Amino acid sequence: MRNSRKLIQQLLIAIFCLGIQHLAYAAGPFTTGSGALSTDILAILTPVAVIAVMALGALAWFGRVSWGHAVTGMVGIVLVFGSQQIVTWVRGLFGV
């Protein structure tokens, strides 16, 4: 009796786990809105990032900031704004 109850519980859990995967791939109601917001923010912040890179370069050139900090800031900006392209490139390398 006890073993059959445990088996039924395990079967129900397995069925639930197999059925729940479809929910993971479902698009949420805010997907299009959040995608549009992300695109708009990226469009607004891209000129700000360009100005920040120019400012970091100028400050490092005149010795106000160390080159290490300037390069670190520039690499961070590249990683933030180029993340989508980097992910696409890595996925292409591994054929995913």
PDB file of N, CA and C in Angstrom:
ATOM      1  N   MET A   1       0.824  -1.191   0.000  1.00  0.00           N
ATOM      2  CA  MET A   1       0.000   0.000   0.000  1.00  0.00           C
ATOM      3  C   MET A   1       0.867   1.254   0.000  1.00  0.00           C
ATOM      4  N   ARG A   2       1.869   1.223   0.849  1.00  0.00           N
ATOM      5  CA  ARG A   2       2.732   2.389   0.969  1.00  0.00           C
ATOM      6  C   ARG A   2       3.578   2.590  -0.281  1.00  0.00           C
ATOM      7  N   ASN A   3       4.063   1.487  -0.861  1.00  0.00           N
ATOM      8  CA  ASN A   3       4.879   1.582  -2.076  1.00  0.00           C
ATOM      9  C   ASN A   3       4.053   2.073  -3.260  1.00  0.00           C
ATOM     10  N   SER A   4       2.808   1.643  -3.358  1.00  0.00           N
ATOM     11  CA  SER A   4       1.969   2.090  -4.469  1.00  0.00           C
ATOM     12  C   SER A   4       1.642   3.573  -4.334  1.00  0.00           C
ATOM     13  N   ARG A   5       1.469   4.039  -3.122  1.00  0.00           N
ATOM     14  CA  ARG A   5       1.201   5.466  -2.901  1.00  0.00           C
ATOM     15  C   ARG A   5       2.411   6.309  -3.303  1.00  0.00           C
ATOM     16  N   LYS A   6       3.594   5.815  -2.950  1.00  0.00           N
ATOM     17  CA  LYS A   6       4.823   6.523  -3.307  1.00  0.00           C
ATOM     18  C   LYS A   6       5.016   6.528  -4.826  1.00  0.00           C
ATOM     19  N   LEU A   7       4.689   5.406  -5.477  1.00  0.00           N
ATOM     20  CA  LEU A   7       4.801   5.317  -6.925  1.00  0.00           C
ATOM     21  C   LEU A   7       3.840   6.285  -7.610  1.00  0.00           C
ATOM     22  N   ILE A   8       2.637   6.400  -7.103  1.00  0.00           N
ATOM     23  CA  ILE A   8       1.661   7.339  -7.663  1.00  0.00           C
ATOM     24  C   ILE A   8       2.143   8.776  -7.497  1.00  0.00           C
ATOM     25  N   GLN A   9       2.716   9.082  -6.340  1.00  0.00           N
ATOM     26  CA  GLN A   9       3.245  10.426  -6.118  1.00  0.00           C
ATOM     27  C   GLN A   9       4.374  10.732  -7.093  1.00  0.00           C
ATOM     28  N   GLN A  10       5.259   9.776  -7.299  1.00  0.00           N
ATOM     29  CA  GLN A  10       6.372   9.987  -8.221  1.00  0.00           C
ATOM     30  C   GLN A  10       5.885  10.151  -9.656  1.00  0.00           C
ATOM     31  N   LEU A  11       4.875   9.376 -10.041  1.00  0.00           N
ATOM     32  CA  LEU A  11       4.309   9.518 -11.383  1.00  0.00           C
ATOM     33  C   LEU A  11       3.655  10.883 -11.569  1.00  0.00           C
ATOM     34  N   LEU A  12       2.945  11.356 -10.567  1.00  0.00           N
ATOM     35  CA  LEU A  12       2.319  12.673 -10.655  1.00  0.00           C
ATOM     36  C   LEU A  12       3.363  13.784 -10.766  1.00  0.00           C
ATOM     37  N   ILE A  13       4.425  13.648 -10.013  1.00  0.00           N
ATOM     38  CA  ILE A  13       5.508  14.638 -10.081  1.00  0.00           C
ATOM     39  C   ILE A  13       6.152  14.616 -11.463  1.00  0.00           C
ATOM     40  N   ALA A  14       6.379  13.429 -12.017  1.00  0.00           N
ATOM     41  CA  ALA A  14       6.981  13.321 -13.352  1.00  0.00           C
ATOM     42  C   ALA A  14       6.072  13.928 -14.405  1.00  0.00           C
ATOM     43  N   ILE A  15       4.781  13.659 -14.329  1.00  0.00           N
ATOM     44  CA  ILE A  15       3.823  14.220 -15.290  1.00  0.00           C
ATOM     45  C   ILE A  15       3.787  15.734 -15.166  1.00  0.00           C
ATOM     46  N   PHE A  16       3.813  16.226 -13.937  1.00  0.00           N
ATOM     47  CA  PHE A  16       3.814  17.675 -13.710  1.00  0.00           C
ATOM     48  C   PHE A  16       5.065  18.310 -14.310  1.00  0.00           C
ATOM     49  N   CYS A  17       6.232  17.696 -14.098  1.00  0.00           N
ATOM     50  CA  CYS A  17       7.486  18.256 -14.621  1.00  0.00           C
ATOM     51  C   CYS A  17       7.516  18.235 -16.141  1.00  0.00           C
ATOM     52  N   LEU A  18       6.958  17.197 -16.741  1.00  0.00           N
ATOM     53  CA  LEU A  18       6.923  17.141 -18.197  1.00  0.00           C
ATOM     54  C   LEU A  18       5.946  18.160 -18.768  1.00  0.00           C
ATOM     55  N   GLY A  19       4.873  18.426 -18.074  1.00  0.00           N
ATOM     56  CA  GLY A  19       3.883  19.379 -18.545  1.00  0.00           C
ATOM     57  C   GLY A  19       4.274  20.824 -18.322  1.00  0.00           C
ATOM     58  N   ILE A  20       5.100  21.078 -17.326  1.00  0.00           N
ATOM     59  CA  ILE A  20       5.459  22.455 -16.968  1.00  0.00           C
ATOM     60  C   ILE A  20       6.439  23.068 -17.967  1.00  0.00           C
ATOM     61  N   GLN A  21       7.141  22.242 -18.752  1.00  0.00           N
ATOM     62  CA  GLN A  21       8.129  22.797 -19.679  1.00  0.00           C
ATOM     63  C   GLN A  21       7.491  23.684 -20.734  1.00  0.00           C
ATOM     64  N   HIS A  22       6.244  23.450 -21.059  1.00  0.00           N
ATOM     65  CA  HIS A  22       5.575  24.295 -22.044  1.00  0.00           C
ATOM     66  C   HIS A  22       5.353  25.700 -21.497  1.00  0.00           C
ATOM     67  N   LEU A  23       5.199  25.818 -20.210  1.00  0.00           N
ATOM     68  CA  LEU A  23       5.027  27.144 -19.617  1.00  0.00           C
ATOM     69  C   LEU A  23       6.311  27.958 -19.675  1.00  0.00           C
ATOM     70  N   ALA A  24       7.443  27.282 -19.653  1.00  0.00           N
ATOM     71  CA  ALA A  24       8.723  27.986 -19.705  1.00  0.00           C
ATOM     72  C   ALA A  24       8.936  28.660 -21.054  1.00  0.00           C
ATOM     73  N   TYR A  25       8.381  28.091 -22.110  1.00  0.00           N
ATOM     74  CA  TYR A  25       8.556  28.652 -23.439  1.00  0.00           C
ATOM     75  C   TYR A  25       7.436  29.610 -23.832  1.00  0.00           C
ATOM     76  N   ALA A  26       6.456  29.759 -22.999  1.00  0.00           N
ATOM     77  CA  ALA A  26       5.331  30.643 -23.316  1.00  0.00           C
ATOM     78  C   ALA A  26       5.772  32.098 -23.180  1.00  0.00           C
ATOM     79  N   ALA A  27       5.288  32.932 -24.069  1.00  0.00           N
ATOM     80  CA  ALA A  27       5.611  34.360 -24.028  1.00  0.00           C
ATOM     81  C   ALA A  27       4.710  35.038 -23.001  1.00  0.00           C
ATOM     82  N   GLY A  28       5.305  35.863 -22.182  1.00  0.00           N
ATOM     83  CA  GLY A  28       4.536  36.578 -21.177  1.00  0.00           C
ATOM     84  C   GLY A  28       3.789  37.741 -21.786  1.00  0.00           C
ATOM     85  N   PRO A  29       2.867  38.304 -21.037  1.00  0.00           N
ATOM     86  CA  PRO A  29       2.077  39.409 -21.576  1.00  0.00           C
ATOM     87  C   PRO A  29       2.878  40.694 -21.751  1.00  0.00           C
ATOM     88  N   PHE A  30       4.016  40.805 -21.095  1.00  0.00           N
ATOM     89  CA  PHE A  30       4.802  42.036 -21.162  1.00  0.00           C
ATOM     90  C   PHE A  30       6.033  41.900 -22.049  1.00  0.00           C
ATOM     91  N   THR A  31       6.103  40.827 -22.833  1.00  0.00           N
ATOM     92  CA  THR A  31       7.291  40.577 -23.648  1.00  0.00           C
ATOM     93  C   THR A  31       7.511  41.670 -24.678  1.00  0.00           C
ATOM     94  N   THR A  32       6.471  42.036 -25.403  1.00  0.00           N
ATOM     95  CA  THR A  32       6.653  43.054 -26.444  1.00  0.00           C
ATOM     96  C   THR A  32       6.945  44.421 -25.836  1.00  0.00           C
ATOM     97  N   GLY A  33       6.300  44.734 -24.736  1.00  0.00           N
ATOM     98  CA  GLY A  33       6.548  46.019 -24.084  1.00  0.00           C
ATOM     99  C   GLY A  33       7.949  46.125 -23.522  1.00  0.00           C
ATOM    100  N   SER A  34       8.417  45.052 -22.891  1.00  0.00           N
ATOM    101  CA  SER A  34       9.766  45.092 -22.332  1.00  0.00           C
ATOM    102  C   SER A  34      10.810  45.098 -23.437  1.00  0.00           C
ATOM    103  N   GLY A  35      10.527  44.415 -24.549  1.00  0.00           N
ATOM    104  CA  GLY A  35      11.456  44.449 -25.687  1.00  0.00           C
ATOM    105  C   GLY A  35      11.546  45.832 -26.293  1.00  0.00           C
ATOM    106  N   ALA A  36      10.404  46.504 -26.419  1.00  0.00           N
ATOM    107  CA  ALA A  36      10.391  47.867 -26.958  1.00  0.00           C
ATOM    108  C   ALA A  36      11.099  48.829 -26.015  1.00  0.00           C
ATOM    109  N   LEU A  37      10.879  48.658 -24.714  1.00  0.00           N
ATOM    110  CA  LEU A  37      11.552  49.509 -23.734  1.00  0.00           C
ATOM    111  C   LEU A  37      13.063  49.314 -23.785  1.00  0.00           C
ATOM    112  N   SER A  38      13.494  48.074 -23.902  1.00  0.00           N
ATOM    113  CA  SER A  38      14.920  47.782 -23.998  1.00  0.00           C
ATOM    114  C   SER A  38      15.527  48.421 -25.237  1.00  0.00           C
ATOM    115  N   THR A  39      14.825  48.345 -26.351  1.00  0.00           N
ATOM    116  CA  THR A  39      15.314  48.961 -27.584  1.00  0.00           C
ATOM    117  C   THR A  39      15.392  50.478 -27.456  1.00  0.00           C
ATOM    118  N   ASP A  40      14.388  51.074 -26.842  1.00  0.00           N
ATOM    119  CA  ASP A  40      14.387  52.530 -26.673  1.00  0.00           C
ATOM    120  C   ASP A  40      15.511  52.990 -25.748  1.00  0.00           C
ATOM    121  N   ILE A  41      15.704  52.280 -24.652  1.00  0.00           N
ATOM    122  CA  ILE A  41      16.780  52.647 -23.718  1.00  0.00           C
ATOM    123  C   ILE A  41      18.132  52.508 -24.386  1.00  0.00           C
ATOM    124  N   LEU A  42      18.310  51.442 -25.176  1.00  0.00           N
ATOM    125  CA  LEU A  42      19.568  51.255 -25.891  1.00  0.00           C
ATOM    126  C   LEU A  42      19.809  52.386 -26.877  1.00  0.00           C
ATOM    127  N   ALA A  43      18.761  52.825 -27.561  1.00  0.00           N
ATOM    128  CA  ALA A  43      18.901  53.925 -28.523  1.00  0.00           C
ATOM    129  C   ALA A  43      19.241  55.235 -27.825  1.00  0.00           C
ATOM    130  N   ILE A  44      18.711  55.438 -26.637  1.00  0.00           N
ATOM    131  CA  ILE A  44      18.983  56.676 -25.899  1.00  0.00           C
ATOM    132  C   ILE A  44      20.384  56.662 -25.295  1.00  0.00           C
ATOM    133  N   LEU A  45      20.790  55.532 -24.762  1.00  0.00           N
ATOM    134  CA  LEU A  45      22.066  55.472 -24.045  1.00  0.00           C
ATOM    135  C   LEU A  45      23.286  55.272 -24.943  1.00  0.00           C
ATOM    136  N   THR A  46      23.091  54.911 -26.205  1.00  0.00           N
ATOM    137  CA  THR A  46      24.239  54.716 -27.086  1.00  0.00           C
ATOM    138  C   THR A  46      25.050  55.999 -27.268  1.00  0.00           C
ATOM    139  N   PRO A  47      24.448  57.160 -27.542  1.00  0.00           N
ATOM    140  CA  PRO A  47      25.265  58.381 -27.628  1.00  0.00           C
ATOM    141  C   PRO A  47      25.932  58.744 -26.299  1.00  0.00           C
ATOM    142  N   VAL A  48      25.251  58.431 -25.189  1.00  0.00           N
ATOM    143  CA  VAL A  48      25.849  58.691 -23.875  1.00  0.00           C
ATOM    144  C   VAL A  48      27.095  57.835 -23.691  1.00  0.00           C
ATOM    145  N   ALA A  49      27.034  56.579 -24.148  1.00  0.00           N
ATOM    146  CA  ALA A  49      28.199  55.695 -24.044  1.00  0.00           C
ATOM    147  C   ALA A  49      29.350  56.183 -24.913  1.00  0.00           C
ATOM    148  N   VAL A  50      29.037  56.703 -26.089  1.00  0.00           N
ATOM    149  CA  VAL A  50      30.085  57.235 -26.969  1.00  0.00           C
ATOM    150  C   VAL A  50      30.769  58.427 -26.312  1.00  0.00           C
ATOM    151  N   ILE A  51      29.981  59.303 -25.715  1.00  0.00           N
ATOM    152  CA  ILE A  51      30.542  60.461 -25.022  1.00  0.00           C
ATOM    153  C   ILE A  51      31.374  60.014 -23.817  1.00  0.00           C
ATOM    154  N   ALA A  52      30.917  58.983 -23.119  1.00  0.00           N
ATOM    155  CA  ALA A  52      31.671  58.476 -21.964  1.00  0.00           C
ATOM    156  C   ALA A  52      33.016  57.905 -22.399  1.00  0.00           C
ATOM    157  N   VAL A  53      33.047  57.181 -23.502  1.00  0.00           N
ATOM    158  CA  VAL A  53      34.318  56.647 -24.002  1.00  0.00           C
ATOM    159  C   VAL A  53      35.255  57.789 -24.396  1.00  0.00           C
ATOM    160  N   MET A  54      34.722  58.815 -25.055  1.00  0.00           N
ATOM    161  CA  MET A  54      35.557  59.962 -25.423  1.00  0.00           C
ATOM    162  C   MET A  54      36.076  60.673 -24.180  1.00  0.00           C
ATOM    163  N   ALA A  55      35.229  60.834 -23.172  1.00  0.00           N
ATOM    164  CA  ALA A  55      35.654  61.503 -21.939  1.00  0.00           C
ATOM    165  C   ALA A  55      36.720  60.687 -21.209  1.00  0.00           C
ATOM    166  N   LEU A  56      36.523  59.377 -21.135  1.00  0.00           N
ATOM    167  CA  LEU A  56      37.536  58.536 -20.482  1.00  0.00           C
ATOM    168  C   LEU A  56      38.859  58.602 -21.218  1.00  0.00           C
ATOM    169  N   GLY A  57      38.813  58.586 -22.549  1.00  0.00           N
ATOM    170  CA  GLY A  57      40.048  58.692 -23.327  1.00  0.00           C
ATOM    171  C   GLY A  57      40.744  60.023 -23.105  1.00  0.00           C
ATOM    172  N   ALA A  58      39.971  61.104 -23.084  1.00  0.00           N
ATOM    173  CA  ALA A  58      40.567  62.426 -22.874  1.00  0.00           C
ATOM    174  C   ALA A  58      41.143  62.556 -21.468  1.00  0.00           C
ATOM    175  N   LEU A  59      40.402  62.069 -20.470  1.00  0.00           N
ATOM    176  CA  LEU A  59      40.911  62.146 -19.094  1.00  0.00           C
ATOM    177  C   LEU A  59      42.182  61.316 -18.930  1.00  0.00           C
ATOM    178  N   ALA A  60      42.230  60.148 -19.553  1.00  0.00           N
ATOM    179  CA  ALA A  60      43.442  59.330 -19.466  1.00  0.00           C
ATOM    180  C   ALA A  60      44.587  59.987 -20.228  1.00  0.00           C
ATOM    181  N   TRP A  61      44.278  60.618 -21.345  1.00  0.00           N
ATOM    182  CA  TRP A  61      45.311  61.281 -22.150  1.00  0.00           C
ATOM    183  C   TRP A  61      45.978  62.411 -21.370  1.00  0.00           C
ATOM    184  N   PHE A  62      45.177  63.176 -20.620  1.00  0.00           N
ATOM    185  CA  PHE A  62      45.721  64.295 -19.853  1.00  0.00           C
ATOM    186  C   PHE A  62      46.164  63.901 -18.449  1.00  0.00           C
ATOM    187  N   GLY A  63      46.120  62.624 -18.133  1.00  0.00           N
ATOM    188  CA  GLY A  63      46.649  62.134 -16.872  1.00  0.00           C
ATOM    189  C   GLY A  63      45.734  62.322 -15.674  1.00  0.00           C
ATOM    190  N   ARG A  64      44.470  62.564 -15.880  1.00  0.00           N
ATOM    191  CA  ARG A  64      43.534  62.746 -14.770  1.00  0.00           C
ATOM    192  C   ARG A  64      43.008  61.414 -14.249  1.00  0.00           C
ATOM    193  N   VAL A  65      43.031  60.405 -15.109  1.00  0.00           N
ATOM    194  CA  VAL A  65      42.585  59.060 -14.749  1.00  0.00           C
ATOM    195  C   VAL A  65      43.652  58.095 -15.246  1.00  0.00           C
ATOM    196  N   SER A  66      43.901  57.035 -14.490  1.00  0.00           N
ATOM    197  CA  SER A  66      44.898  56.065 -14.951  1.00  0.00           C
ATOM    198  C   SER A  66      44.364  55.329 -16.181  1.00  0.00           C
ATOM    199  N   TRP A  67      45.287  54.880 -17.013  1.00  0.00           N
ATOM    200  CA  TRP A  67      44.888  54.173 -18.220  1.00  0.00           C
ATOM    201  C   TRP A  67      44.159  52.878 -17.891  1.00  0.00           C
ATOM    202  N   GLY A  68      44.514  52.275 -16.785  1.00  0.00           N
ATOM    203  CA  GLY A  68      43.839  51.040 -16.378  1.00  0.00           C
ATOM    204  C   GLY A  68      42.359  51.256 -16.110  1.00  0.00           C
ATOM    205  N   HIS A  69      42.047  52.347 -15.406  1.00  0.00           N
ATOM    206  CA  HIS A  69      40.639  52.657 -15.139  1.00  0.00           C
ATOM    207  C   HIS A  69      39.904  53.026 -16.423  1.00  0.00           C
ATOM    208  N   ALA A  70      40.568  53.758 -17.292  1.00  0.00           N
ATOM    209  CA  ALA A  70      39.935  54.162 -18.553  1.00  0.00           C
ATOM    210  C   ALA A  70      39.638  52.944 -19.431  1.00  0.00           C
ATOM    211  N   VAL A  71      40.605  52.049 -19.546  1.00  0.00           N
ATOM    212  CA  VAL A  71      40.408  50.855 -20.366  1.00  0.00           C
ATOM    213  C   VAL A  71      39.340  49.956 -19.754  1.00  0.00           C
ATOM    214  N   THR A  72      39.347  49.837 -18.422  1.00  0.00           N
ATOM    215  CA  THR A  72      38.324  49.032 -17.753  1.00  0.00           C
ATOM    216  C   THR A  72      36.929  49.597 -18.005  1.00  0.00           C
ATOM    217  N   GLY A  73      36.787  50.895 -17.931  1.00  0.00           N
ATOM    218  CA  GLY A  73      35.498  51.525 -18.217  1.00  0.00           C
ATOM    219  C   GLY A  73      35.064  51.318 -19.650  1.00  0.00           C
ATOM    220  N   MET A  74      36.009  51.431 -20.578  1.00  0.00           N
ATOM    221  CA  MET A  74      35.682  51.244 -21.990  1.00  0.00           C
ATOM    222  C   MET A  74      35.296  49.796 -22.286  1.00  0.00           C
ATOM    223  N   VAL A  75      36.003  48.857 -21.699  1.00  0.00           N
ATOM    224  CA  VAL A  75      35.664  47.436 -21.891  1.00  0.00           C
ATOM    225  C   VAL A  75      34.288  47.141 -21.300  1.00  0.00           C
ATOM    226  N   GLY A  76      33.986  47.729 -20.162  1.00  0.00           N
ATOM    227  CA  GLY A  76      32.659  47.546 -19.572  1.00  0.00           C
ATOM    228  C   GLY A  76      31.556  48.075 -20.464  1.00  0.00           C
ATOM    229  N   ILE A  77      31.777  49.230 -21.057  1.00  0.00           N
ATOM    230  CA  ILE A  77      30.785  49.804 -21.973  1.00  0.00           C
ATOM    231  C   ILE A  77      30.616  48.915 -23.197  1.00  0.00           C
ATOM    232  N   VAL A  78      31.716  48.409 -23.721  1.00  0.00           N
ATOM    233  CA  VAL A  78      31.639  47.508 -24.879  1.00  0.00           C
ATOM    234  C   VAL A  78      30.876  46.234 -24.527  1.00  0.00           C
ATOM    235  N   LEU A  79      31.119  45.681 -23.350  1.00  0.00           N
ATOM    236  CA  LEU A  79      30.423  44.461 -22.949  1.00  0.00           C
ATOM    237  C   LEU A  79      28.930  44.699 -22.740  1.00  0.00           C
ATOM    238  N   VAL A  80      28.570  45.824 -22.177  1.00  0.00           N
ATOM    239  CA  VAL A  80      27.152  46.109 -21.949  1.00  0.00           C
ATOM    240  C   VAL A  80      26.422  46.326 -23.262  1.00  0.00           C
ATOM    241  N   PHE A  81      26.989  47.149 -24.142  1.00  0.00           N
ATOM    242  CA  PHE A  81      26.297  47.476 -25.380  1.00  0.00           C
ATOM    243  C   PHE A  81      26.501  46.436 -26.478  1.00  0.00           C
ATOM    244  N   GLY A  82      27.499  45.607 -26.357  1.00  0.00           N
ATOM    245  CA  GLY A  82      27.729  44.583 -27.365  1.00  0.00           C
ATOM    246  C   GLY A  82      27.351  43.198 -26.918  1.00  0.00           C
ATOM    247  N   SER A  83      26.637  43.090 -25.809  1.00  0.00           N
ATOM    248  CA  SER A  83      26.334  41.775 -25.253  1.00  0.00           C
ATOM    249  C   SER A  83      25.525  40.913 -26.211  1.00  0.00           C
ATOM    250  N   GLN A  84      24.577  41.500 -26.909  1.00  0.00           N
ATOM    251  CA  GLN A  84      23.754  40.715 -27.833  1.00  0.00           C
ATOM    252  C   GLN A  84      24.604  40.158 -28.979  1.00  0.00           C
ATOM    253  N   GLN A  85      25.495  40.964 -29.512  1.00  0.00           N
ATOM    254  CA  GLN A  85      26.356  40.505 -30.586  1.00  0.00           C
ATOM    255  C   GLN A  85      27.346  39.458 -30.090  1.00  0.00           C
ATOM    256  N   ILE A  86      27.829  39.630 -28.857  1.00  0.00           N
ATOM    257  CA  ILE A  86      28.771  38.660 -28.285  1.00  0.00           C
ATOM    258  C   ILE A  86      28.091  37.313 -28.098  1.00  0.00           C
ATOM    259  N   VAL A  87      26.861  37.324 -27.583  1.00  0.00           N
ATOM    260  CA  VAL A  87      26.124  36.076 -27.394  1.00  0.00           C
ATOM    261  C   VAL A  87      25.867  35.404 -28.728  1.00  0.00           C
ATOM    262  N   THR A  88      25.485  36.179 -29.743  1.00  0.00           N
ATOM    263  CA  THR A  88      25.249  35.619 -31.079  1.00  0.00           C
ATOM    264  C   THR A  88      26.532  35.015 -31.631  1.00  0.00           C
ATOM    265  N   TRP A  89      27.640  35.683 -31.437  1.00  0.00           N
ATOM    266  CA  TRP A  89      28.927  35.180 -31.921  1.00  0.00           C
ATOM    267  C   TRP A  89      29.313  33.879 -31.232  1.00  0.00           C
ATOM    268  N   VAL A  90      29.163  33.819 -29.895  1.00  0.00           N
ATOM    269  CA  VAL A  90      29.523  32.607 -29.152  1.00  0.00           C
ATOM    270  C   VAL A  90      28.606  31.450 -29.538  1.00  0.00           C
ATOM    271  N   ARG A  91      27.316  31.739 -29.696  1.00  0.00           N
ATOM    272  CA  ARG A  91      26.379  30.690 -30.119  1.00  0.00           C
ATOM    273  C   ARG A  91      26.755  30.171 -31.513  1.00  0.00           C
ATOM    274  N   GLY A  92      27.210  31.047 -32.383  1.00  0.00           N
ATOM    275  CA  GLY A  92      27.634  30.634 -33.719  1.00  0.00           C
ATOM    276  C   GLY A  92      28.882  29.768 -33.668  1.00  0.00           C
ATOM    277  N   LEU A  93      29.773  30.055 -32.724  1.00  0.00           N
ATOM    278  CA  LEU A  93      30.977  29.244 -32.582  1.00  0.00           C
ATOM    279  C   LEU A  93      30.654  27.806 -32.220  1.00  0.00           C
ATOM    280  N   PHE A  94      29.667  27.628 -31.350  1.00  0.00           N
ATOM    281  CA  PHE A  94      29.328  26.292 -30.872  1.00  0.00           C
ATOM    282  C   PHE A  94      28.160  25.675 -31.634  1.00  0.00           C
ATOM    283  N   GLY A  95      27.651  26.357 -32.640  1.00  0.00           N
ATOM    284  CA  GLY A  95      26.591  25.807 -33.462  1.00  0.00           C
ATOM    285  C   GLY A  95      25.262  25.668 -32.751  1.00  0.00           C
ATOM    286  N   VAL A  96      24.989  26.578 -31.829  1.00  0.00           N
ATOM    287  CA  VAL A  96      23.729  26.506 -31.087  1.00  0.00           C
ATOM    288  C   VAL A  96      22.717  27.415 -31.728  1.00  0.00           C
TER     289      VAL A  96
END
